[in-house]
N, C-alpha and C. Protein backbone atom coordinates (compact mmCIF):
# COMPACT_ATOMS: atom_id res chain seq x y z
N UNK A 1 110.79 115.14 94.28
CA UNK A 1 109.56 115.36 93.53
C UNK A 1 109.90 115.58 92.05
N UNK A 2 111.03 116.31 91.75
CA UNK A 2 111.36 116.55 90.37
C UNK A 2 111.67 115.26 89.62
N UNK A 3 112.34 114.31 90.25
CA UNK A 3 112.64 113.07 89.58
C UNK A 3 111.36 112.32 89.21
N UNK A 4 110.39 112.33 90.11
CA UNK A 4 109.09 111.66 89.81
C UNK A 4 108.38 112.39 88.68
N UNK A 5 108.44 113.70 88.61
CA UNK A 5 107.83 114.46 87.53
C UNK A 5 108.53 114.17 86.21
N UNK A 6 109.86 114.13 86.21
CA UNK A 6 110.60 113.81 85.01
C UNK A 6 110.26 112.41 84.51
N UNK A 7 110.20 111.46 85.47
CA UNK A 7 109.83 110.09 85.17
C UNK A 7 108.43 110.05 84.58
N UNK A 8 107.49 110.80 85.17
CA UNK A 8 106.10 110.83 84.69
C UNK A 8 106.09 111.32 83.26
N UNK A 9 106.82 112.41 82.97
CA UNK A 9 106.84 112.95 81.62
C UNK A 9 107.33 111.93 80.61
N UNK A 10 108.43 111.22 80.94
CA UNK A 10 108.98 110.26 80.07
C UNK A 10 108.02 109.09 79.87
N UNK A 11 107.48 108.55 80.94
CA UNK A 11 106.60 107.39 80.79
C UNK A 11 105.28 107.79 80.16
N UNK A 12 104.76 109.00 80.41
CA UNK A 12 103.54 109.44 79.74
C UNK A 12 103.72 109.53 78.26
N UNK A 13 104.79 110.16 77.84
CA UNK A 13 105.06 110.30 76.42
C UNK A 13 105.23 108.92 75.79
N UNK A 14 105.97 108.01 76.50
CA UNK A 14 106.20 106.71 75.97
C UNK A 14 104.92 105.88 75.93
N UNK A 15 104.10 105.95 76.97
CA UNK A 15 102.84 105.20 77.02
C UNK A 15 101.89 105.72 75.96
N UNK A 16 101.82 107.03 75.79
CA UNK A 16 100.93 107.57 74.76
C UNK A 16 101.43 107.28 73.35
N UNK A 17 102.75 107.19 73.18
CA UNK A 17 103.31 106.80 71.90
C UNK A 17 102.95 105.35 71.58
N UNK A 18 102.97 104.52 72.60
CA UNK A 18 102.58 103.11 72.42
C UNK A 18 101.11 103.04 72.01
N UNK A 19 100.30 103.94 72.53
CA UNK A 19 98.86 103.97 72.17
C UNK A 19 98.61 104.72 70.87
N UNK A 20 99.67 105.32 70.28
CA UNK A 20 99.49 106.03 69.02
C UNK A 20 99.08 107.48 69.16
N UNK A 21 99.22 108.05 70.36
CA UNK A 21 98.90 109.44 70.57
C UNK A 21 100.11 110.11 71.22
N UNK A 22 100.04 111.44 71.31
CA UNK A 22 101.10 112.20 72.01
C UNK A 22 100.48 113.16 72.97
N UNK A 23 101.27 113.68 73.85
CA UNK A 23 100.83 114.73 74.77
C UNK A 23 100.73 116.01 73.96
N UNK A 24 99.63 116.74 74.09
CA UNK A 24 99.50 118.00 73.33
C UNK A 24 100.70 118.88 73.52
N UNK A 25 101.31 119.38 72.42
CA UNK A 25 102.45 120.27 72.50
C UNK A 25 103.77 119.57 72.81
N UNK A 26 103.78 118.23 72.87
CA UNK A 26 104.95 117.51 73.21
C UNK A 26 105.13 116.36 72.23
N UNK A 27 106.12 116.43 71.37
CA UNK A 27 106.41 115.38 70.43
C UNK A 27 107.30 114.33 71.08
N UNK A 28 107.26 113.11 70.57
CA UNK A 28 108.16 112.10 71.05
C UNK A 28 109.57 112.39 70.55
N UNK A 29 110.46 112.65 71.46
CA UNK A 29 111.84 112.98 71.11
C UNK A 29 112.59 111.72 70.68
N UNK A 30 113.63 111.93 69.93
CA UNK A 30 114.41 110.78 69.44
C UNK A 30 115.05 109.97 70.58
N UNK A 31 115.26 110.67 71.74
CA UNK A 31 115.84 109.97 72.85
C UNK A 31 114.81 109.25 73.75
N UNK A 32 113.51 109.54 73.55
CA UNK A 32 112.48 108.85 74.32
C UNK A 32 112.33 107.42 73.75
N UNK A 33 112.28 106.45 74.65
CA UNK A 33 112.08 105.09 74.23
C UNK A 33 110.69 104.66 74.62
N UNK A 34 109.86 104.31 73.61
CA UNK A 34 108.52 103.82 73.93
C UNK A 34 108.56 102.59 74.77
N UNK A 35 107.55 102.39 75.64
CA UNK A 35 107.47 101.22 76.44
C UNK A 35 107.44 99.96 75.52
N UNK A 36 108.18 98.95 75.87
CA UNK A 36 108.09 97.73 75.09
C UNK A 36 106.76 97.06 75.42
N UNK A 37 106.21 96.43 74.44
CA UNK A 37 104.89 95.77 74.64
C UNK A 37 104.99 94.75 75.80
N UNK A 38 106.11 94.12 75.99
CA UNK A 38 106.26 93.16 77.05
C UNK A 38 106.17 93.79 78.46
N UNK A 39 106.54 95.09 78.51
CA UNK A 39 106.49 95.79 79.80
C UNK A 39 105.15 96.49 80.07
N UNK A 40 104.32 96.62 79.07
CA UNK A 40 103.01 97.25 79.22
C UNK A 40 102.03 96.26 79.79
N UNK A 41 101.09 96.80 80.56
CA UNK A 41 100.01 95.93 81.08
C UNK A 41 98.93 95.88 80.03
N UNK A 42 98.55 94.70 79.64
CA UNK A 42 97.48 94.48 78.68
C UNK A 42 96.18 94.26 79.45
N UNK A 43 95.05 94.67 78.90
CA UNK A 43 93.75 94.50 79.60
C UNK A 43 93.54 93.02 79.92
N UNK A 44 94.01 92.12 79.08
CA UNK A 44 93.87 90.70 79.35
C UNK A 44 94.72 90.18 80.46
N UNK A 45 95.74 90.94 80.86
CA UNK A 45 96.62 90.56 81.96
C UNK A 45 96.00 90.88 83.34
N UNK A 46 95.01 91.78 83.38
CA UNK A 46 94.49 92.25 84.63
C UNK A 46 93.70 91.14 85.32
N UNK A 47 93.90 91.00 86.63
CA UNK A 47 93.08 90.14 87.44
C UNK A 47 92.66 90.99 88.67
N UNK A 48 91.91 90.41 89.55
CA UNK A 48 91.42 91.11 90.71
C UNK A 48 92.01 90.50 91.98
N UNK A 49 92.29 91.36 92.94
CA UNK A 49 92.69 90.87 94.26
C UNK A 49 91.52 90.02 94.80
N UNK A 50 91.81 89.00 95.60
CA UNK A 50 90.72 88.09 96.04
C UNK A 50 89.50 88.80 96.64
N UNK A 51 89.67 89.89 97.33
CA UNK A 51 88.56 90.58 97.97
C UNK A 51 88.17 91.86 97.25
N UNK A 52 88.43 91.95 95.96
CA UNK A 52 88.03 93.16 95.21
C UNK A 52 86.51 93.27 95.19
N UNK A 53 86.03 94.48 95.39
CA UNK A 53 84.58 94.73 95.51
C UNK A 53 83.92 94.59 94.15
N UNK A 54 82.57 94.50 94.16
CA UNK A 54 81.80 94.44 92.95
C UNK A 54 81.94 95.74 92.18
N UNK A 55 82.03 96.85 92.92
CA UNK A 55 82.21 98.18 92.26
C UNK A 55 83.53 98.19 91.49
N UNK A 56 84.61 97.73 92.14
CA UNK A 56 85.90 97.68 91.51
C UNK A 56 85.86 96.84 90.23
N UNK A 57 85.23 95.70 90.31
CA UNK A 57 85.10 94.80 89.16
C UNK A 57 84.31 95.48 88.02
N UNK A 58 83.25 96.19 88.36
CA UNK A 58 82.42 96.83 87.31
C UNK A 58 83.16 98.02 86.71
N UNK A 59 83.94 98.77 87.46
CA UNK A 59 84.71 99.90 86.92
C UNK A 59 85.73 99.39 85.93
N UNK A 60 86.42 98.33 86.25
CA UNK A 60 87.44 97.79 85.32
C UNK A 60 86.74 97.16 84.11
N UNK A 61 85.66 96.47 84.32
CA UNK A 61 84.94 95.87 83.19
C UNK A 61 84.37 96.91 82.25
N UNK A 62 84.00 98.08 82.76
CA UNK A 62 83.46 99.13 81.89
C UNK A 62 84.51 99.75 80.97
N UNK A 63 85.77 99.76 81.40
CA UNK A 63 86.82 100.33 80.58
C UNK A 63 88.18 99.66 80.87
N UNK A 64 88.34 98.40 80.45
CA UNK A 64 89.54 97.68 80.76
C UNK A 64 90.83 98.30 80.16
N UNK A 65 90.71 99.00 79.05
CA UNK A 65 91.92 99.59 78.45
C UNK A 65 92.45 100.72 79.30
N UNK A 66 91.58 101.51 79.93
CA UNK A 66 92.02 102.58 80.79
C UNK A 66 92.69 101.99 82.05
N UNK A 67 92.05 100.91 82.61
CA UNK A 67 92.63 100.24 83.75
C UNK A 67 94.00 99.69 83.44
N UNK A 68 94.19 99.15 82.25
CA UNK A 68 95.48 98.63 81.83
C UNK A 68 96.51 99.72 81.66
N UNK A 69 96.09 100.85 81.06
CA UNK A 69 97.03 102.00 80.89
C UNK A 69 97.47 102.50 82.26
N UNK A 70 96.51 102.64 83.19
CA UNK A 70 96.89 103.10 84.56
C UNK A 70 97.84 102.11 85.21
N UNK A 71 97.61 100.79 84.99
CA UNK A 71 98.46 99.78 85.53
C UNK A 71 99.87 99.82 84.97
N UNK A 72 99.99 100.21 83.70
CA UNK A 72 101.28 100.32 83.03
C UNK A 72 102.16 101.36 83.76
N UNK A 73 101.49 102.41 84.27
CA UNK A 73 102.24 103.45 84.99
C UNK A 73 102.90 102.85 86.22
N UNK A 74 102.25 101.94 86.89
CA UNK A 74 102.82 101.27 88.07
C UNK A 74 103.94 100.31 87.73
N UNK A 75 103.86 99.67 86.58
CA UNK A 75 104.86 98.67 86.15
C UNK A 75 104.18 97.39 85.70
N UNK A 76 104.87 96.68 84.87
CA UNK A 76 104.32 95.49 84.23
C UNK A 76 103.82 94.44 85.21
N UNK A 77 104.38 94.37 86.40
CA UNK A 77 103.98 93.34 87.35
C UNK A 77 102.78 93.71 88.18
N UNK A 78 102.34 94.95 88.13
CA UNK A 78 101.16 95.40 88.90
C UNK A 78 99.87 95.15 88.07
N UNK A 79 99.42 93.90 88.12
CA UNK A 79 98.27 93.50 87.32
C UNK A 79 97.06 93.06 88.10
N UNK A 80 97.19 93.02 89.46
CA UNK A 80 96.07 92.65 90.30
C UNK A 80 95.40 93.93 90.82
N UNK A 81 94.14 94.15 90.43
CA UNK A 81 93.44 95.34 90.83
C UNK A 81 92.81 95.14 92.18
N UNK A 82 93.16 95.99 93.16
CA UNK A 82 92.59 95.96 94.49
C UNK A 82 91.36 96.87 94.53
N UNK A 83 91.56 98.11 94.06
CA UNK A 83 90.52 99.13 94.12
C UNK A 83 90.46 99.90 92.82
N UNK A 84 89.27 100.16 92.35
CA UNK A 84 89.07 101.02 91.19
C UNK A 84 87.75 101.79 91.51
N UNK A 85 87.85 103.12 91.52
CA UNK A 85 86.67 103.90 91.91
C UNK A 85 86.53 105.13 91.04
N UNK A 86 85.37 105.35 90.45
CA UNK A 86 85.14 106.56 89.70
C UNK A 86 84.89 107.71 90.68
N UNK A 87 85.44 108.87 90.35
CA UNK A 87 85.33 109.99 91.25
C UNK A 87 84.86 111.25 90.51
N UNK A 88 84.02 112.04 91.04
CA UNK A 88 83.18 111.67 92.20
C UNK A 88 82.21 110.59 91.80
N UNK A 89 81.49 110.03 92.75
CA UNK A 89 80.64 108.87 92.45
C UNK A 89 79.31 109.28 91.84
N UNK A 90 79.01 110.58 91.78
CA UNK A 90 77.76 111.01 91.15
C UNK A 90 77.91 110.97 89.63
N UNK A 91 76.98 111.53 88.94
CA UNK A 91 76.95 111.40 87.47
C UNK A 91 78.10 112.11 86.78
N UNK A 92 78.66 113.15 87.38
CA UNK A 92 79.81 113.86 86.81
C UNK A 92 81.08 113.16 87.21
N UNK A 93 81.78 112.55 86.24
CA UNK A 93 83.02 111.82 86.56
C UNK A 93 84.20 112.61 86.03
N UNK A 94 85.18 112.86 86.88
CA UNK A 94 86.37 113.58 86.49
C UNK A 94 87.61 112.73 86.46
N UNK A 95 87.64 111.67 87.30
CA UNK A 95 88.83 110.85 87.42
C UNK A 95 88.44 109.46 87.92
N UNK A 96 89.38 108.54 87.77
CA UNK A 96 89.23 107.22 88.37
C UNK A 96 90.51 106.90 89.12
N UNK A 97 90.36 106.46 90.34
CA UNK A 97 91.53 106.05 91.14
C UNK A 97 91.67 104.56 91.05
N UNK A 98 92.89 104.11 90.83
CA UNK A 98 93.20 102.67 90.75
C UNK A 98 94.31 102.35 91.74
N UNK A 99 94.18 101.24 92.43
CA UNK A 99 95.24 100.71 93.28
C UNK A 99 95.44 99.28 92.91
N UNK A 100 96.73 98.95 92.64
CA UNK A 100 97.14 97.64 92.16
C UNK A 100 98.11 96.99 93.15
N UNK A 101 98.28 95.68 93.03
CA UNK A 101 99.35 94.95 93.71
C UNK A 101 100.05 94.08 92.65
N UNK A 102 101.25 93.70 92.98
CA UNK A 102 101.94 92.80 92.05
C UNK A 102 101.80 91.34 92.43
N UNK A 103 101.01 91.05 93.49
CA UNK A 103 100.77 89.67 93.92
C UNK A 103 101.76 89.08 94.83
N UNK A 104 102.83 89.84 95.16
CA UNK A 104 103.82 89.31 96.10
C UNK A 104 103.42 89.73 97.53
N UNK A 105 104.12 89.22 98.51
CA UNK A 105 103.88 89.62 99.88
C UNK A 105 105.23 90.08 100.45
N UNK A 106 105.13 90.98 101.43
CA UNK A 106 106.37 91.46 102.14
C UNK A 106 106.33 91.00 103.59
N UNK A 107 105.40 90.14 103.93
CA UNK A 107 105.29 89.65 105.28
C UNK A 107 104.27 88.54 105.34
N UNK A 108 103.72 88.26 106.53
CA UNK A 108 102.81 87.14 106.64
C UNK A 108 101.37 87.58 106.91
N UNK A 109 101.06 88.84 106.77
CA UNK A 109 99.69 89.31 107.01
C UNK A 109 99.06 89.72 105.71
N UNK A 110 97.74 89.83 105.67
CA UNK A 110 97.03 90.21 104.45
C UNK A 110 97.46 91.59 103.93
N UNK A 111 97.79 92.48 104.85
CA UNK A 111 98.13 93.85 104.41
C UNK A 111 99.58 94.00 104.08
N UNK A 112 100.35 92.92 104.13
CA UNK A 112 101.76 92.96 103.78
C UNK A 112 102.01 92.71 102.30
N UNK A 113 101.31 93.45 101.48
CA UNK A 113 101.51 93.33 100.00
C UNK A 113 101.84 94.72 99.45
N UNK A 114 102.77 94.77 98.49
CA UNK A 114 103.06 96.06 97.87
C UNK A 114 101.90 96.57 97.06
N UNK A 115 101.65 97.87 97.14
CA UNK A 115 100.56 98.49 96.42
C UNK A 115 101.08 99.68 95.61
N UNK A 116 100.38 100.03 94.54
CA UNK A 116 100.72 101.18 93.72
C UNK A 116 99.41 101.84 93.30
N UNK A 117 99.33 103.12 93.45
CA UNK A 117 98.11 103.88 93.12
C UNK A 117 98.35 104.94 92.04
N UNK A 118 97.28 105.12 91.20
CA UNK A 118 97.30 106.12 90.16
C UNK A 118 95.92 106.78 90.12
N UNK A 119 95.89 108.13 90.01
CA UNK A 119 94.65 108.84 89.81
C UNK A 119 94.63 109.26 88.34
N UNK A 120 93.76 108.63 87.56
CA UNK A 120 93.71 108.82 86.13
C UNK A 120 92.75 109.97 85.79
N UNK A 121 93.27 110.99 85.18
CA UNK A 121 92.50 112.21 84.81
C UNK A 121 91.63 111.90 83.57
N UNK A 122 90.33 112.06 83.69
CA UNK A 122 89.41 111.82 82.60
C UNK A 122 88.74 113.08 82.08
N UNK A 123 89.31 114.24 82.34
CA UNK A 123 88.69 115.50 81.90
C UNK A 123 89.12 115.94 80.53
N UNK A 124 90.22 115.42 80.06
CA UNK A 124 90.72 115.82 78.73
C UNK A 124 91.62 117.05 78.77
N UNK A 125 91.85 117.60 79.94
CA UNK A 125 92.78 118.74 80.04
C UNK A 125 93.49 118.73 81.38
N UNK A 126 94.59 119.47 81.46
CA UNK A 126 95.41 119.51 82.70
C UNK A 126 94.59 120.06 83.86
N UNK A 127 94.73 119.41 85.01
CA UNK A 127 94.02 119.82 86.20
C UNK A 127 94.97 119.79 87.41
N UNK A 128 94.68 120.56 88.43
CA UNK A 128 95.36 120.50 89.70
C UNK A 128 94.83 119.24 90.39
N UNK A 129 95.71 118.29 90.66
CA UNK A 129 95.22 117.03 91.21
C UNK A 129 96.31 116.33 91.98
N UNK A 130 95.93 115.32 92.72
CA UNK A 130 96.90 114.56 93.49
C UNK A 130 96.36 113.28 94.06
N UNK A 131 97.31 112.42 94.47
CA UNK A 131 96.98 111.14 95.07
C UNK A 131 97.97 110.90 96.23
N UNK A 132 97.44 110.35 97.31
CA UNK A 132 98.27 110.00 98.46
C UNK A 132 97.93 108.56 98.86
N UNK A 133 98.93 107.73 99.09
CA UNK A 133 98.70 106.34 99.45
C UNK A 133 99.28 106.14 100.87
N UNK A 134 98.41 105.69 101.77
CA UNK A 134 98.79 105.37 103.15
C UNK A 134 98.75 103.86 103.34
N UNK A 135 99.65 103.33 104.12
CA UNK A 135 99.53 101.93 104.47
C UNK A 135 98.81 101.75 105.77
N UNK A 136 98.82 100.56 106.32
CA UNK A 136 98.09 100.27 107.54
C UNK A 136 98.97 100.47 108.79
N UNK A 137 100.13 101.03 108.64
CA UNK A 137 101.07 101.28 109.76
C UNK A 137 101.17 102.78 109.99
N UNK A 138 101.12 103.22 111.20
CA UNK A 138 101.19 104.70 111.44
C UNK A 138 102.61 105.24 111.26
N UNK A 139 103.62 104.41 111.41
CA UNK A 139 104.99 104.92 111.33
C UNK A 139 105.52 105.09 109.93
N UNK A 140 104.83 104.52 108.94
CA UNK A 140 105.28 104.60 107.57
C UNK A 140 104.84 105.91 106.95
N UNK A 141 105.76 106.64 106.33
CA UNK A 141 105.34 107.92 105.69
C UNK A 141 104.43 107.62 104.47
N UNK A 142 103.49 108.52 104.24
CA UNK A 142 102.66 108.42 103.07
C UNK A 142 103.47 108.70 101.82
N UNK A 143 103.06 108.14 100.70
CA UNK A 143 103.63 108.49 99.40
C UNK A 143 102.60 109.28 98.64
N UNK A 144 102.98 110.44 98.10
CA UNK A 144 102.04 111.31 97.48
C UNK A 144 102.60 111.98 96.23
N UNK A 145 101.71 112.40 95.37
CA UNK A 145 102.12 113.12 94.15
C UNK A 145 101.00 114.11 93.83
N UNK A 146 101.30 115.42 93.95
CA UNK A 146 100.40 116.48 93.69
C UNK A 146 100.99 117.44 92.71
N UNK A 147 100.14 118.01 91.86
CA UNK A 147 100.62 118.97 90.85
C UNK A 147 99.53 119.23 89.83
N UNK A 148 99.95 119.71 88.67
CA UNK A 148 99.00 119.91 87.54
C UNK A 148 99.34 118.91 86.49
N UNK A 149 98.39 117.99 86.23
CA UNK A 149 98.67 116.86 85.33
C UNK A 149 97.53 116.74 84.31
N UNK A 150 97.90 116.39 83.07
CA UNK A 150 96.93 116.16 82.04
C UNK A 150 96.47 114.72 81.94
N UNK A 151 97.29 113.79 82.40
CA UNK A 151 96.96 112.39 82.24
C UNK A 151 96.71 111.69 83.56
N UNK A 152 97.64 111.79 84.53
CA UNK A 152 97.46 111.10 85.81
C UNK A 152 98.38 111.68 86.85
N UNK A 153 97.99 111.46 88.10
CA UNK A 153 98.85 111.72 89.26
C UNK A 153 99.31 110.36 89.77
N UNK A 154 100.54 110.28 90.18
CA UNK A 154 101.12 109.03 90.65
C UNK A 154 102.26 108.65 89.73
N UNK A 155 102.78 107.47 89.81
CA UNK A 155 102.39 106.46 90.72
C UNK A 155 102.89 106.69 92.13
N UNK A 156 102.13 106.23 93.10
CA UNK A 156 102.54 106.26 94.51
C UNK A 156 102.53 104.83 94.99
N UNK A 157 103.44 104.51 95.94
CA UNK A 157 103.62 103.14 96.36
C UNK A 157 103.71 102.99 97.89
N UNK A 158 103.31 101.82 98.34
CA UNK A 158 103.55 101.40 99.71
C UNK A 158 103.96 99.92 99.70
N UNK A 159 104.90 99.55 100.60
CA UNK A 159 105.34 98.19 100.65
C UNK A 159 104.34 97.30 101.35
N UNK A 160 103.53 97.82 102.24
CA UNK A 160 102.55 97.06 102.97
C UNK A 160 101.21 97.82 102.89
N UNK A 161 100.68 97.95 101.68
CA UNK A 161 99.59 98.90 101.47
C UNK A 161 98.18 98.38 101.56
N UNK A 162 97.98 97.03 101.55
CA UNK A 162 96.63 96.51 101.60
C UNK A 162 96.06 96.87 102.99
N UNK A 163 94.81 97.24 103.03
CA UNK A 163 94.13 97.69 104.24
C UNK A 163 94.47 99.15 104.57
N UNK A 164 95.18 99.83 103.69
CA UNK A 164 95.48 101.21 103.89
C UNK A 164 94.39 102.14 103.32
N UNK A 165 94.77 103.35 103.00
CA UNK A 165 93.80 104.31 102.41
C UNK A 165 94.48 105.02 101.25
N UNK A 166 93.64 105.43 100.30
CA UNK A 166 94.10 106.24 99.17
C UNK A 166 93.29 107.55 99.19
N UNK A 167 94.05 108.62 99.07
CA UNK A 167 93.39 109.97 99.07
C UNK A 167 93.48 110.48 97.63
N UNK A 168 92.34 110.98 97.11
CA UNK A 168 92.31 111.55 95.76
C UNK A 168 91.80 112.99 95.84
N UNK A 169 92.42 113.83 94.99
CA UNK A 169 92.07 115.27 95.01
C UNK A 169 92.14 115.80 93.59
N UNK A 170 91.15 116.68 93.27
CA UNK A 170 91.18 117.38 91.98
C UNK A 170 90.44 118.73 92.14
N UNK A 171 91.04 119.72 91.51
CA UNK A 171 90.46 121.09 91.53
C UNK A 171 90.36 121.56 90.09
N UNK A 172 89.14 122.00 89.71
CA UNK A 172 88.93 122.50 88.37
C UNK A 172 88.34 123.90 88.44
N UNK A 173 88.91 124.83 87.74
CA UNK A 173 88.40 126.19 87.67
C UNK A 173 88.20 126.83 89.06
N UNK A 174 89.12 126.56 89.95
CA UNK A 174 89.03 127.16 91.28
C UNK A 174 88.06 126.44 92.23
N UNK A 175 87.44 125.33 91.78
CA UNK A 175 86.49 124.60 92.58
C UNK A 175 87.02 123.16 92.83
N UNK A 176 87.01 122.71 94.10
CA UNK A 176 87.42 121.37 94.40
C UNK A 176 86.28 120.43 94.00
N UNK A 177 86.60 119.48 93.12
CA UNK A 177 85.58 118.54 92.63
C UNK A 177 85.78 117.13 93.18
N UNK A 178 87.02 116.82 93.64
CA UNK A 178 87.31 115.52 94.27
C UNK A 178 88.17 115.81 95.50
N UNK A 179 87.75 115.26 96.63
CA UNK A 179 88.46 115.44 97.89
C UNK A 179 87.98 114.30 98.79
N UNK A 180 88.58 113.10 98.60
CA UNK A 180 88.06 111.95 99.25
C UNK A 180 89.12 110.87 99.59
N UNK A 181 88.87 110.14 100.67
CA UNK A 181 89.66 108.97 101.03
C UNK A 181 88.82 107.75 100.70
N UNK A 182 89.52 106.72 100.21
CA UNK A 182 88.91 105.41 99.94
C UNK A 182 89.75 104.36 100.59
N UNK A 183 89.15 103.26 100.98
CA UNK A 183 89.86 102.14 101.51
C UNK A 183 90.57 101.39 100.42
N UNK A 184 91.71 100.82 100.74
CA UNK A 184 92.44 99.94 99.82
C UNK A 184 92.18 98.49 100.29
N UNK A 185 91.37 97.78 99.60
CA UNK A 185 91.07 96.42 99.97
C UNK A 185 89.91 96.32 100.94
N UNK A 186 89.38 95.11 101.06
CA UNK A 186 88.30 94.85 101.99
C UNK A 186 88.88 94.37 103.32
N UNK A 187 88.90 95.23 104.28
CA UNK A 187 89.50 94.93 105.57
C UNK A 187 88.56 95.25 106.72
N UNK A 188 88.70 94.57 107.80
CA UNK A 188 87.88 94.87 108.99
C UNK A 188 88.52 95.93 109.84
């Protein structure tokens, strides 16, 4: 877990430096290397998985730059959006969960595609939050990332994640505001 947190800190600082901002209280150190533009996901690079829902398409269309920044956390090849959901779904929005694929397959079934999930914090301050990605196989361990984050929780990955589930959680001021599972992809 510490390696993932250290990686998150480095990539967050680098991604925010690329965007021209910094993490409050954290300057870009001389040893931090900003993400190269070639490795960042650009909003124009994003496409949708063949069965992406209308809701997913509208969430990305409403703010493609945020979807691209969240995709950059997963890596430059994760440009196909499977799921994008504002959370909670009522008028108060605290976060958006994104699940991407890189378009490759790891087998011969629809759910045999690698997935990567990010829970993007939209509150403007650090919150207790987390994301858990499950695949469609019961024997595969879940990948999760929980803690106090100002920008995002994740990335979490599954090798065969299509048709799985993504769990999102956020607690603000002692009150749980997000506690939900969502499907990854349109599956029967």
